Each structure stands twice: as C-alpha cells, then as structure tokens.
C-alpha atoms as a PDB file:
ATOM      1  CA  MET A   1       3.281  13.662   6.578  1.00  0.00           C
ATOM      2  CA  ARG A   2       2.827  10.387   8.431  1.00  0.00           C
ATOM      3  CA  LEU A   3       5.669   7.882   8.261  1.00  0.00           C
ATOM      4  CA  GLY A   4       4.940   4.206   7.779  1.00  0.00           C
ATOM      5  CA  VAL A   5       6.892   1.169   6.683  1.00  0.00           C
ATOM      6  CA  MET A   6       6.260  -1.728   4.355  1.00  0.00           C
ATOM      7  CA  VAL A   7       6.129  -4.933   6.378  1.00  0.00           C
ATOM      8  CA  GLY A   8       5.274  -8.424   5.324  1.00  0.00           C
ATOM      9  CA  PRO A   9       6.257 -11.306   3.179  1.00  0.00           C
ATOM     10  CA  GLU A  10       9.866 -11.684   2.158  1.00  0.00           C
ATOM     11  CA  ARG A  11      10.725 -14.558  -0.121  1.00  0.00           C
ATOM     12  CA  GLY A  12      12.413 -17.516   1.520  1.00  0.00           C
ATOM     13  CA  ARG A  13      12.960 -18.239   5.221  1.00  0.00           C
ATOM     14  CA  TYR A  14       9.663 -20.082   5.410  1.00  0.00           C
ATOM     15  CA  PRO A  15      10.026 -21.554   8.917  1.00  0.00           C
ATOM     16  CA  THR A  16      10.598 -18.071  10.374  1.00  0.00           C
ATOM     17  CA  LYS A  17       8.323 -16.020   8.113  1.00  0.00           C
ATOM     18  CA  VAL A  18       5.636 -15.296  10.707  1.00  0.00           C
ATOM     19  CA  ASP A  19       8.151 -14.566  13.459  1.00  0.00           C
ATOM     20  CA  ARG A  20       9.974 -12.127  11.189  1.00  0.00           C
ATOM     21  CA  MET A  21       6.775 -10.305  10.232  1.00  0.00           C
ATOM     22  CA  LEU A  22       5.731  -9.970  13.855  1.00  0.00           C
ATOM     23  CA  ALA A  23       9.185  -8.759  14.867  1.00  0.00           C
ATOM     24  CA  ASP A  24       9.120  -6.119  12.112  1.00  0.00           C
ATOM     25  CA  ALA A  25       5.647  -4.975  13.126  1.00  0.00           C
ATOM     26  CA  THR A  26       6.566  -4.778  16.799  1.00  0.00           C
ATOM     27  CA  TRP A  27       9.628  -2.734  15.901  1.00  0.00           C
ATOM     28  CA  ALA A  28       7.530  -0.319  13.825  1.00  0.00           C
ATOM     29  CA  GLU A  29       5.073   0.249  16.639  1.00  0.00           C
ATOM     30  CA  GLU A  30       7.774   0.665  19.278  1.00  0.00           C
ATOM     31  CA  ALA A  31       9.619   3.080  16.981  1.00  0.00           C
ATOM     32  CA  GLY A  32       6.573   5.360  17.007  1.00  0.00           C
ATOM     33  CA  LEU A  33       5.722   4.991  13.336  1.00  0.00           C
ATOM     34  CA  ALA A  34       2.189   5.831  12.287  1.00  0.00           C
ATOM     35  CA  SER A  35       1.438   2.876  10.051  1.00  0.00           C
ATOM     36  CA  LEU A  36       2.620  -0.296   8.416  1.00  0.00           C
ATOM     37  CA  TRP A  37       1.600  -1.530   4.986  1.00  0.00           C
ATOM     38  CA  ILE A  38       1.482  -5.164   3.912  1.00  0.00           C
ATOM     39  CA  PRO A  39       1.878  -5.984   0.209  1.00  0.00           C
ATOM     40  CA  GLN A  40      -0.006  -8.823  -1.448  1.00  0.00           C
ATOM     41  CA  ILE A  41       2.707 -10.566  -3.423  1.00  0.00           C
ATOM     42  CA  PRO A  42       1.264 -13.014  -5.985  1.00  0.00           C
ATOM     43  CA  ASP A  43       3.253 -16.024  -4.766  1.00  0.00           C
ATOM     44  CA  ASP A  44       3.563 -15.278  -1.061  1.00  0.00           C
ATOM     45  CA  PHE A  45       1.791 -14.902   2.292  1.00  0.00           C
ATOM     46  CA  ASP A  46      -1.811 -13.656   2.363  1.00  0.00           C
ATOM     47  CA  ALA A  47      -1.855  -9.948   3.284  1.00  0.00           C
ATOM     48  CA  LEU A  48      -5.039 -10.006   5.365  1.00  0.00           C
ATOM     49  CA  THR A  49      -3.871 -13.051   7.287  1.00  0.00           C
ATOM     50  CA  ALA A  50      -0.657 -11.158   7.979  1.00  0.00           C
ATOM     51  CA  ALA A  51      -2.717  -8.148   9.096  1.00  0.00           C
ATOM     52  CA  ALA A  52      -4.654 -10.301  11.559  1.00  0.00           C
ATOM     53  CA  LEU A  53      -1.463 -11.770  12.983  1.00  0.00           C
ATOM     54  CA  ILE A  54       0.107  -8.336  13.297  1.00  0.00           C
ATOM     55  CA  GLY A  55      -3.075  -6.906  14.789  1.00  0.00           C
ATOM     56  CA  SER A  56      -2.954  -9.457  17.581  1.00  0.00           C
ATOM     57  CA  ALA A  57       0.690  -8.573  18.320  1.00  0.00           C
ATOM     58  CA  THR A  58       0.317  -4.764  18.339  1.00  0.00           C
ATOM     59  CA  SER A  59      -2.040  -2.267  19.920  1.00  0.00           C
ATOM     60  CA  THR A  60      -1.752   1.209  18.394  1.00  0.00           C
ATOM     61  CA  ILE A  61      -0.244   1.248  14.913  1.00  0.00           C
ATOM     62  CA  GLU A  62      -2.413   1.458  11.788  1.00  0.00           C
ATOM     63  CA  ILE A  63      -2.272  -1.728   9.711  1.00  0.00           C
ATOM     64  CA  GLY A  64      -2.948  -1.474   5.999  1.00  0.00           C
ATOM     65  CA  THR A  65      -2.968  -3.831   3.032  1.00  0.00           C
ATOM     66  CA  ALA A  66      -1.159  -2.446  -0.009  1.00  0.00           C
ATOM     67  CA  VAL A  67      -2.945  -3.857  -1.872  1.00  0.00           C
ATOM     68  CA  VAL A  68      -5.320  -6.814  -2.140  1.00  0.00           C
ATOM     69  CA  PRO A  69      -6.390  -7.547  -5.755  1.00  0.00           C
ATOM     70  CA  ILE A  70     -10.165  -7.686  -6.066  1.00  0.00           C
ATOM     71  CA  GLN A  71     -10.684 -10.025  -9.030  1.00  0.00           C
ATOM     72  CA  PRO A  72      -9.779 -13.329  -7.300  1.00  0.00           C
ATOM     73  CA  ARG A  73     -12.085 -12.655  -4.314  1.00  0.00           C
ATOM     74  CA  HIS A  74     -15.836 -12.168  -4.300  1.00  0.00           C
ATOM     75  CA  PRO A  75     -16.591  -8.951  -2.374  1.00  0.00           C
ATOM     76  CA  ILE A  76     -18.607 -10.805   0.242  1.00  0.00           C
ATOM     77  CA  ALA A  77     -15.752 -13.256   0.822  1.00  0.00           C
ATOM     78  CA  LEU A  78     -13.350 -10.333   1.119  1.00  0.00           C
ATOM     79  CA  ALA A  79     -15.730  -8.544   3.474  1.00  0.00           C
ATOM     80  CA  HIS A  80     -15.878 -11.625   5.707  1.00  0.00           C
ATOM     81  CA  GLN A  81     -12.093 -11.701   5.913  1.00  0.00           C
ATOM     82  CA  ALA A  82     -11.652  -7.944   6.263  1.00  0.00           C
ATOM     83  CA  LEU A  83     -14.267  -7.556   8.999  1.00  0.00           C
ATOM     84  CA  SER A  84     -12.882 -10.539  10.881  1.00  0.00           C
ATOM     85  CA  THR A  85      -9.420  -9.015  10.618  1.00  0.00           C
ATOM     86  CA  GLN A  86     -10.786  -5.659  11.744  1.00  0.00           C
ATOM     87  CA  ALA A  87     -12.171  -7.294  14.868  1.00  0.00           C
ATOM     88  CA  VAL A  88      -8.695  -8.639  15.638  1.00  0.00           C
ATOM     89  CA  CYS A  89      -7.108  -5.241  14.909  1.00  0.00           C
ATOM     90  CA  GLY A  90      -9.609  -3.366  17.055  1.00  0.00           C
ATOM     91  CA  GLY A  91     -10.466  -0.864  14.340  1.00  0.00           C
ATOM     92  CA  ARG A  92      -6.903  -0.251  13.110  1.00  0.00           C
ATOM     93  CA  LEU A  93      -7.211  -1.988   9.742  1.00  0.00           C
ATOM     94  CA  THR A  94      -7.165   0.045   6.542  1.00  0.00           C
ATOM     95  CA  LEU A  95      -8.245  -2.081   3.606  1.00  0.00           C
ATOM     96  CA  GLY A  96      -6.167  -1.261   0.546  1.00  0.00           C
ATOM     97  CA  LEU A  97      -7.545  -2.704  -2.697  1.00  0.00           C
ATOM     98  CA  GLY A  98      -6.470  -2.726  -6.307  1.00  0.00           C
ATOM     99  CA  VAL A  99      -7.225  -4.143  -9.734  1.00  0.00           C
ATOM    100  CA  SER A 100      -3.678  -5.514 -10.060  1.00  0.00           C
ATOM    101  CA  HIS A 101      -2.163  -6.031 -13.522  1.00  0.00           C
ATOM    102  CA  HIS A 102      -2.912  -8.098 -16.601  1.00  0.00           C
ATOM    103  CA  TRP A 103       0.102 -10.340 -15.988  1.00  0.00           C
ATOM    104  CA  VAL A 104      -1.288 -11.340 -12.577  1.00  0.00           C
ATOM    105  CA  ILE A 105      -5.017 -11.532 -13.236  1.00  0.00           C
ATOM    106  CA  ASP A 106      -5.022 -12.773 -16.827  1.00  0.00           C
ATOM    107  CA  GLU A 107      -1.719 -14.550 -17.345  1.00  0.00           C
ATOM    108  CA  MET A 108      -1.288 -16.078 -13.869  1.00  0.00           C
ATOM    109  CA  LEU A 109      -4.891 -16.643 -12.771  1.00  0.00           C
ATOM    110  CA  GLY A 110      -6.709 -16.933 -16.081  1.00  0.00           C
ATOM    111  CA  LEU A 111      -9.353 -14.391 -15.058  1.00  0.00           C
ATOM    112  CA  PRO A 112     -10.730 -11.576 -17.239  1.00  0.00           C
ATOM    113  CA  TYR A 113      -8.880  -8.268 -17.096  1.00  0.00           C
ATOM    114  CA  GLU A 114     -11.439  -6.198 -18.957  1.00  0.00           C
ATOM    115  CA  ARG A 115     -12.706  -2.786 -17.817  1.00  0.00           C
ATOM    116  CA  PRO A 116     -11.014  -3.034 -14.412  1.00  0.00           C
ATOM    117  CA  ALA A 117     -12.297   0.391 -13.320  1.00  0.00           C
ATOM    118  CA  ALA A 118     -15.897  -0.720 -13.902  1.00  0.00           C
ATOM    119  CA  MET A 119     -15.121  -3.829 -11.881  1.00  0.00           C
ATOM    120  CA  MET A 120     -13.848  -1.646  -9.018  1.00  0.00           C
ATOM    121  CA  ARG A 121     -16.994   0.511  -9.044  1.00  0.00           C
ATOM    122  CA  ASP A 122     -19.276  -2.522  -8.895  1.00  0.00           C
ATOM    123  CA  TYR A 123     -17.087  -4.150  -6.255  1.00  0.00           C
ATOM    124  CA  LEU A 124     -17.309  -1.072  -4.033  1.00  0.00           C
ATOM    125  CA  ASP A 125     -21.099  -1.104  -4.335  1.00  0.00           C
ATOM    126  CA  VAL A 126     -21.084  -4.422  -2.491  1.00  0.00           C
ATOM    127  CA  LEU A 127     -18.207  -3.692  -0.155  1.00  0.00           C
ATOM    128  CA  ASP A 128     -19.576  -0.334   1.004  1.00  0.00           C
ATOM    129  CA  GLN A 129     -22.712  -2.006   2.315  1.00  0.00           C
ATOM    130  CA  ALA A 130     -20.878  -5.018   3.735  1.00  0.00           C
ATOM    131  CA  LEU A 131     -18.419  -2.881   5.702  1.00  0.00           C
ATOM    132  CA  ALA A 132     -21.030  -0.421   6.978  1.00  0.00           C
ATOM    133  CA  GLY A 133     -21.966  -2.600   9.928  1.00  0.00           C
ATOM    134  CA  PRO A 134     -24.344  -5.470  10.705  1.00  0.00           C
ATOM    135  CA  GLY A 135     -27.207  -5.669   8.238  1.00  0.00           C
ATOM    136  CA  MET A 136     -28.260  -6.773   4.793  1.00  0.00           C
ATOM    137  CA  VAL A 137     -26.191  -6.334   1.674  1.00  0.00           C
ATOM    138  CA  ASP A 138     -28.535  -5.860  -1.269  1.00  0.00           C
ATOM    139  CA  VAL A 139     -26.767  -5.074  -4.543  1.00  0.00           C
ATOM    140  CA  GLU A 140     -27.441  -5.898  -8.155  1.00  0.00           C
ATOM    141  CA  ASN A 141     -25.137  -4.349 -10.729  1.00  0.00           C
ATOM    142  CA  GLY A 142     -23.138  -5.285 -13.805  1.00  0.00           C
ATOM    143  CA  HIS A 143     -20.881  -7.773 -11.973  1.00  0.00           C
ATOM    144  CA  PHE A 144     -22.691  -8.881  -8.817  1.00  0.00           C
ATOM    145  CA  ARG A 145     -26.082 -10.024  -7.588  1.00  0.00           C
ATOM    146  CA  VAL A 146     -25.873 -10.096  -3.789  1.00  0.00           C
ATOM    147  CA  HIS A 147     -28.546 -10.487  -1.106  1.00  0.00           C
ATOM    148  CA  GLN A 148     -26.552 -11.428   1.947  1.00  0.00           C
ATOM    149  CA  PRO A 149     -26.769 -10.642   5.679  1.00  0.00           C
ATOM    150  CA  MET A 150     -23.521  -9.616   7.406  1.00  0.00           C
ATOM    151  CA  ASP A 151     -23.119  -9.714  11.178  1.00  0.00           C
ATOM    152  CA  ILE A 152     -19.425 -10.085  11.969  1.00  0.00           C
ATOM    153  CA  THR A 153     -18.525  -6.987  13.964  1.00  0.00           C
ATOM    154  CA  ASP A 154     -19.867  -3.550  14.799  1.00  0.00           C
ATOM    155  CA  ILE A 155     -16.380  -2.019  14.634  1.00  0.00           C
ATOM    156  CA  VAL A 156     -17.092   0.526  11.903  1.00  0.00           C
ATOM    157  CA  PRO A 157     -16.208   2.123   9.669  1.00  0.00           C
ATOM    158  CA  THR A 158     -13.431   0.209   7.964  1.00  0.00           C
ATOM    159  CA  SER A 159     -11.365   2.635   5.946  1.00  0.00           C
ATOM    160  CA  VAL A 160     -10.968   1.631   2.285  1.00  0.00           C
ATOM    161  CA  MET A 161      -8.324   2.957  -0.094  1.00  0.00           C
ATOM    162  CA  ILE A 162      -7.491   1.888  -3.619  1.00  0.00           C
ATOM    163  CA  ALA A 163      -4.442   1.801  -5.837  1.00  0.00           C
ATOM    164  CA  ALA A 164      -5.323   4.505  -8.357  1.00  0.00           C
ATOM    165  CA  LEU A 165      -2.874   5.376 -11.118  1.00  0.00           C
ATOM    166  CA  GLY A 166      -4.972   6.643 -14.034  1.00  0.00           C
ATOM    167  CA  PRO A 167      -7.686   9.327 -14.296  1.00  0.00           C
ATOM    168  CA  VAL A 168     -10.690   7.006 -14.026  1.00  0.00           C
ATOM    169  CA  MET A 169      -9.371   5.136 -10.999  1.00  0.00           C
ATOM    170  CA  LEU A 170      -8.366   8.426  -9.351  1.00  0.00           C
ATOM    171  CA  ALA A 171     -11.919   9.675  -9.817  1.00  0.00           C
ATOM    172  CA  ILE A 172     -13.244   6.511  -8.166  1.00  0.00           C
ATOM    173  CA  ALA A 173     -10.742   6.849  -5.322  1.00  0.00           C
ATOM    174  CA  GLY A 174     -11.764  10.437  -4.639  1.00  0.00           C
ATOM    175  CA  GLU A 175     -15.505   9.849  -5.001  1.00  0.00           C
ATOM    176  CA  ARG A 176     -15.794   6.522  -3.187  1.00  0.00           C
ATOM    177  CA  THR A 177     -12.834   5.882  -0.865  1.00  0.00           C
ATOM    178  CA  ASP A 178     -10.487   7.482   1.650  1.00  0.00           C
ATOM    179  CA  GLY A 179      -7.638   7.891  -0.823  1.00  0.00           C
ATOM    180  CA  THR A 180      -5.013   6.093  -2.850  1.00  0.00           C
ATOM    181  CA  ILE A 181      -2.006   3.864  -2.220  1.00  0.00           C
ATOM    182  CA  LEU A 182       0.777   4.350  -4.764  1.00  0.00           C
ATOM    183  CA  TRP A 183       3.860   2.615  -6.080  1.00  0.00           C
ATOM    184  CA  LEU A 184       6.250   4.033  -8.685  1.00  0.00           C
ATOM    185  CA  ALA A 185       4.855   7.558  -8.277  1.00  0.00           C
ATOM    186  CA  ASP A 186       7.467  10.289  -7.900  1.00  0.00           C
ATOM    187  CA  GLU A 187       6.948  13.855  -6.739  1.00  0.00           C
ATOM    188  CA  ARG A 188       5.987  15.304 -10.120  1.00  0.00           C
ATOM    189  CA  ALA A 189       3.515  12.505 -10.818  1.00  0.00           C
ATOM    190  CA  ILE A 190       1.882  13.095  -7.427  1.00  0.00           C
ATOM    191  CA  GLY A 191       1.900  16.873  -7.601  1.00  0.00           C
ATOM    192  CA  THR A 192       0.670  17.328 -11.168  1.00  0.00           C
ATOM    193  CA  HIS A 193      -1.418  14.195 -11.750  1.00  0.00           C
ATOM    194  CA  ILE A 194      -2.402  12.245  -8.635  1.00  0.00           C
ATOM    195  CA  ALA A 195      -3.208  14.970  -6.100  1.00  0.00           C
ATOM    196  CA  PRO A 196      -5.184  17.359  -8.347  1.00  0.00           C
ATOM    197  CA  ALA A 197      -7.411  14.634  -9.771  1.00  0.00           C
ATOM    198  CA  LEU A 198      -7.953  12.947  -6.419  1.00  0.00           C
ATOM    199  CA  TYR A 199      -8.764  16.124  -4.497  1.00  0.00           C
ATOM    200  CA  ALA A 200     -11.092  17.412  -7.229  1.00  0.00           C
ATOM    201  CA  ALA A 201     -13.069  14.160  -7.237  1.00  0.00           C
ATOM    202  CA  ALA A 202     -13.362  14.145  -3.442  1.00  0.00           C
ATOM    203  CA  GLU A 203     -14.485  17.771  -3.349  1.00  0.00           C
ATOM    204  CA  THR A 204     -17.112  17.175  -6.021  1.00  0.00           C
ATOM    205  CA  ALA A 205     -18.422  14.190  -4.049  1.00  0.00           C
ATOM    206  CA  GLY A 206     -18.460  16.163  -0.796  1.00  0.00           C
ATOM    207  CA  ARG A 207     -15.945  13.873   0.841  1.00  0.00           C
ATOM    208  CA  ALA A 208     -13.134  14.765   3.230  1.00  0.00           C
ATOM    209  CA  ALA A 209      -9.667  15.412   1.799  1.00  0.00           C
ATOM    210  CA  PRO A 210      -8.304  12.014   0.719  1.00  0.00           C
ATOM    211  CA  ARG A 211      -5.057  10.406   1.775  1.00  0.00           C
ATOM    212  CA  ILE A 212      -2.171   9.843  -0.611  1.00  0.00           C
ATOM    213  CA  VAL A 213       0.117   7.015   0.512  1.00  0.00           C
ATOM    214  CA  ALA A 214       3.320   6.927  -1.523  1.00  0.00           C
ATOM    215  CA  GLY A 215       5.518   3.853  -1.580  1.00  0.00           C
ATOM    216  CA  VAL A 216       9.117   5.040  -1.278  1.00  0.00           C
ATOM    217  CA  PRO A 217      12.176   2.743  -1.154  1.00  0.00           C
ATOM    218  CA  ILE A 218      14.818   3.952   1.304  1.00  0.00           C
ATOM    219  CA  CYS A 219      18.484   3.207   2.009  1.00  0.00           C
ATOM    220  CA  LEU A 220      20.738   5.062   4.422  1.00  0.00           C
ATOM    221  CA  CYS A 221      24.233   4.859   2.946  1.00  0.00           C
ATOM    222  CA  GLY A 222      27.265   6.865   2.000  1.00  0.00           C
ATOM    223  CA  ASP A 223      26.998   9.252  -0.903  1.00  0.00           C
ATOM    224  CA  ASP A 224      29.464   7.053  -2.761  1.00  0.00           C
ATOM    225  CA  GLU A 225      27.091   4.089  -2.329  1.00  0.00           C
ATOM    226  CA  VAL A 226      23.953   5.671  -3.776  1.00  0.00           C
ATOM    227  CA  ASP A 227      24.520   4.127  -7.206  1.00  0.00           C
ATOM    228  CA  VAL A 228      24.832   0.714  -5.564  1.00  0.00           C
ATOM    229  CA  ALA A 229      21.550   1.258  -3.702  1.00  0.00           C
ATOM    230  CA  VAL A 230      19.808   2.415  -6.885  1.00  0.00           C
ATOM    231  CA  ALA A 231      21.027  -0.659  -8.767  1.00  0.00           C
ATOM    232  CA  ARG A 232      19.810  -2.966  -6.010  1.00  0.00           C
ATOM    233  CA  ALA A 233      16.395  -1.267  -5.860  1.00  0.00           C
ATOM    234  CA  ASN A 234      16.041  -1.687  -9.604  1.00  0.00           C
ATOM    235  CA  ARG A 235      17.049  -5.337  -9.354  1.00  0.00           C
ATOM    236  CA  VAL A 236      14.747  -6.416  -6.531  1.00  0.00           C
ATOM    237  CA  LEU A 237      11.766  -4.057  -6.874  1.00  0.00           C
ATOM    238  CA  SER A 238      11.307  -3.206 -10.532  1.00  0.00           C
ATOM    239  CA  GLU A 239       7.977  -4.200 -12.055  1.00  0.00           C
ATOM    240  CA  SER A 240       7.513  -1.492 -14.647  1.00  0.00           C
ATOM    241  CA  ASP A 241       8.857  -3.541 -17.550  1.00  0.00           C
ATOM    242  CA  VAL A 242       5.861  -5.882 -17.441  1.00  0.00           C
ATOM    243  CA  SER A 243       3.198  -3.520 -16.069  1.00  0.00           C
ATOM    244  CA  PRO A 244       1.673  -1.028 -18.513  1.00  0.00           C
ATOM    245  CA  ASN A 245      -0.206   0.575 -15.613  1.00  0.00           C
ATOM    246  CA  TYR A 246       3.097   1.493 -13.999  1.00  0.00           C
ATOM    247  CA  GLN A 247       4.642   2.573 -17.288  1.00  0.00           C
ATOM    248  CA  LYS A 248       1.840   5.090 -17.787  1.00  0.00           C
ATOM    249  CA  LEU A 249       2.361   6.408 -14.257  1.00  0.00           C
ATOM    250  CA  LEU A 250       6.108   6.759 -14.807  1.00  0.00           C
ATOM    251  CA  ASP A 251       5.317   8.805 -17.899  1.00  0.00           C
ATOM    252  CA  ARG A 252       3.552  11.303 -15.627  1.00  0.00           C
ATOM    253  CA  GLY A 253       6.706  12.009 -13.636  1.00  0.00           C
ATOM    254  CA  ASP A 254      10.451  12.357 -13.904  1.00  0.00           C
ATOM    255  CA  ALA A 255      11.351   8.867 -12.653  1.00  0.00           C
ATOM    256  CA  ARG A 256      11.998   6.119 -15.172  1.00  0.00           C
ATOM    257  CA  THR A 257      12.710   3.276 -12.745  1.00  0.00           C
ATOM    258  CA  VAL A 258      11.965   2.481  -9.131  1.00  0.00           C
ATOM    259  CA  GLY A 259      15.583   3.392  -8.381  1.00  0.00           C
ATOM    260  CA  ASP A 260      14.800   6.988  -9.346  1.00  0.00           C
ATOM    261  CA  ILE A 261      12.242   7.115  -6.528  1.00  0.00           C
ATOM    262  CA  LEU A 262      14.654   5.642  -3.961  1.00  0.00           C
ATOM    263  CA  ALA A 263      15.445   7.959  -1.049  1.00  0.00           C
ATOM    264  CA  ALA A 264      19.135   7.161  -0.564  1.00  0.00           C
ATOM    265  CA  GLY A 265      22.336   8.634   0.792  1.00  0.00           C
ATOM    266  CA  SER A 266      23.006  10.611   3.941  1.00  0.00           C
ATOM    267  CA  GLU A 267      20.482  11.493   6.629  1.00  0.00           C
ATOM    268  CA  GLU A 268      20.170  14.979   5.191  1.00  0.00           C
ATOM    269  CA  SER A 269      19.663  13.709   1.647  1.00  0.00           C
ATOM    270  CA  ILE A 270      16.941  11.275   2.688  1.00  0.00           C
ATOM    271  CA  GLU A 271      15.100  13.785   4.844  1.00  0.00           C
ATOM    272  CA  ARG A 272      15.197  16.315   2.015  1.00  0.00           C
ATOM    273  CA  ARG A 273      13.783  13.742  -0.429  1.00  0.00           C
ATOM    274  CA  LEU A 274      10.985  12.762   1.952  1.00  0.00           C
ATOM    275  CA  ARG A 275      10.050  16.392   2.495  1.00  0.00           C
ATOM    276  CA  SER A 276       9.795  16.810  -1.260  1.00  0.00           C
ATOM    277  CA  PHE A 277       7.032  14.172  -1.228  1.00  0.00           C
ATOM    278  CA  ALA A 278       5.215  16.045   1.545  1.00  0.00           C
ATOM    279  CA  ASP A 279       5.498  19.298  -0.422  1.00  0.00           C
ATOM    280  CA  VAL A 280       3.428  17.934  -3.332  1.00  0.00           C
ATOM    281  CA  GLY A 281       0.538  16.668  -1.211  1.00  0.00           C
ATOM    282  CA  THR A 282       1.646  13.234  -0.025  1.00  0.00           C
ATOM    283  CA  THR A 283      -0.033  12.565   3.319  1.00  0.00           C
ATOM    284  CA  ASP A 284       1.699   9.268   4.138  1.00  0.00           C
ATOM    285  CA  VAL A 285       4.754   7.350   3.002  1.00  0.00           C
ATOM    286  CA  SER A 286       5.199   3.607   3.098  1.00  0.00           C
ATOM    287  CA  LEU A 287       8.961   3.157   3.321  1.00  0.00           C
ATOM    288  CA  ARG A 288      10.466   0.005   1.871  1.00  0.00           C
ATOM    289  CA  VAL A 289      13.942  -0.616   3.281  1.00  0.00           C
ATOM    290  CA  VAL A 290      16.479  -1.589   0.601  1.00  0.00           C
ATOM    291  CA  PRO A 291      19.622  -2.948   2.289  1.00  0.00           C
ATOM    292  CA  ILE A 292      22.940  -3.103   0.488  1.00  0.00           C
ATOM    293  CA  GLY A 293      26.141  -5.055   1.045  1.00  0.00           C
ATOM    294  CA  GLU A 294      28.213  -7.922  -0.268  1.00  0.00           C
ATOM    295  CA  THR A 295      27.253 -10.440   2.411  1.00  0.00           C
ATOM    296  CA  ARG A 296      24.133 -11.296   4.363  1.00  0.00           C
ATOM    297  CA  ASP A 297      25.660  -9.720   7.474  1.00  0.00           C
ATOM    298  CA  ASP A 298      26.400  -6.563   5.506  1.00  0.00           C
ATOM    299  CA  LYS A 299      22.788  -6.356   4.357  1.00  0.00           C
ATOM    300  CA  LEU A 300      21.472  -6.944   7.878  1.00  0.00           C
ATOM    301  CA  ALA A 301      23.681  -4.148   9.187  1.00  0.00           C
ATOM    302  CA  SER A 302      22.503  -1.852   6.376  1.00  0.00           C
ATOM    303  CA  SER A 303      18.880  -2.639   7.198  1.00  0.00           C
ATOM    304  CA  ARG A 304      19.435  -1.881  10.897  1.00  0.00           C
ATOM    305  CA  ARG A 305      21.045   1.485  10.147  1.00  0.00           C
ATOM    306  CA  THR A 306      18.209   2.488   7.848  1.00  0.00           C
ATOM    307  CA  ARG A 307      15.542   1.392  10.307  1.00  0.00           C
ATOM    308  CA  GLU A 308      17.175   3.285  13.157  1.00  0.00           C
ATOM    309  CA  PHE A 309      17.177   6.397  11.011  1.00  0.00           C
ATOM    310  CA  ILE A 310      13.526   5.928  10.079  1.00  0.00           C
ATOM    311  CA  ALA A 311      12.665   5.658  13.768  1.00  0.00           C
ATOM    312  CA  SER A 312      14.511   8.929  14.441  1.00  0.00           C
ATOM    313  CA  LEU A 313      12.284  10.685  11.886  1.00  0.00           C
ATOM    314  CA  ALA A 314       8.954   9.579  13.373  1.00  0.00           C
ATOM    315  CA  GLY A 315       6.760  12.622  13.916  1.00  0.00           C
ATOM    316  CA  THR A 316       9.233  15.077  12.399  1.00  0.00           C
ATOM    317  CA  VAL A 317       8.692  14.995   8.618  1.00  0.00           C
END
C-alpha cells in the first residue's frame, strides 16, 4: 500500500498559506512518501492552482486533487486547467473529481444537483477526449455539446479518479477511470462494498485493476490520549451530519463518525490500523494529520511527531 498525505489549504494564516503548502509538499517528497492529495474546500484555495504551485516546487512525488467538484466547471475549462497543471507537474498530476454534495452544489452555488452520476458520465465523455492529447474534442450528449480543439501539452495520459461512494458511481469509476478516492470509508465498507464493486466493473470493462485511495486521519499519541484525538477529529473533520452521501457510506461499514476511522495511539497501534486498510484492498492512503494539545505549540509538536512517524513508515506498509 502506497502512503500519501493530505496537503493543502488550512483555514487562516492567509499571508503564509502558499509558503506553508509548499513546505508541507517539500517535506512529503523528502520523506519518501508516494503521493500527496489536495482537497478542494468550498471556501478556500483552488486545488489545481495548489497542484501547479506544488508541482513547480517538487520533482518526483505524485500530486493529486481530492477532489475537484465537476458541476461548477465546464469540462473544457477544467481540461484547460488540468492540462496546464500537468505540464507544470511533468506528468505527475492525478486528477481527482467528484460530484460533491447537495449542500455545496445546490445550497451554496445554486446549481442543479439532479442525477449526479449521469452528469459524471457525460462529463467524462468530454474529459476523456480532452485529456487524450492534442486534437479535437467532439462530444454531444445529454449535458454537453462540444466541438473544441485542444493543444496544450502532449504529456499524456492524465490519470483520472473519481470520488465514488455508491453502486452507480463505483461502476463508473471502474469502467471509466483509474479508481476511486474515498473519505469516511472504513475497512468493512472498503472490503465488502467499495472493492468488490469497483474491481468487478473494471474487469467487465477490460481495464487494469483500479486504485482505491482511502482518506485516513492519523494522530500519534499516548494510548490515554486516543479519546482526545478522536474528539478533535470529530470536531474539525466531521461532515457526515450534513452529507447524505457520506451517511450512506458509513452505513456500509462499522464506523459512525470520522473519529472511528482515525488511526491513533502508539506506533504499533497505528501501523496495525493502516495494515488493516491494506488487507481489504486499499492501494493508497491519504493521511490527514490531526494534531492534539492545549496550546498552539502543543499542536505543532503533536503534528511534528506524527509526521516523523509517517516518514518512518514510507515503503514499509
């Protein structure tokens, strides 16, 4: 299983936001991690812009978006940005896409959130051609009418993955993309729901075995601090209360909150938890450091300890 970390926007600290992202990315590459994954937070820094910045500051690590919502961006506009970013990254960009949630697309942006899976299929019709290399994009389907030349870069192919939680989206992921990027999926959900559906769809379509990237919060701490870490993860990361898509995914597993997915405690406890994700078919993890402590200095020290431990695991899980 390949180890990666979640890097990118953190609320606040606006004057130093870019410097902090670049420092985190440089650390991840120097630590020997396989990948870094940049979330698209509704009210924060653009993920593909962050990927371009990070691509110019690194040379070997995979850089993925996790994930860019498709509804606000026409697929040709997204292709322009993704291919331009790929040129900066030298072929290391993995484009993670998703249909987001009703509370983002409908309630925040005022856009339709109807038949999102059909939207993803039609979107991929355009994107597949646009990302295939210089040439014409000729697509007419239920959502798009596109006749557009593209000549940005010949760095191909650009790997595409999608956030797939339910059966229909998992079928699309297996049939049309290189895999899925997950959040709030525990081991049982992956082993009994995600992996079987995804692999079956890929096999039927004659595609290579897909990737499964699981988002896993992590906190190295004492065993007597695990409850504190769980409470903090639930406070700063929980989205399930307002996201029916996540609620349905939680129903597929044993976890009820993001804190239940947190890999926390001693080195041995964390390594054992990460191996349990590998055992059910997870190919990659995107680790989200959750620091604990009463003061800012305490949290910084907690983050450093956890990151040092992550670095020690590179290539061993």
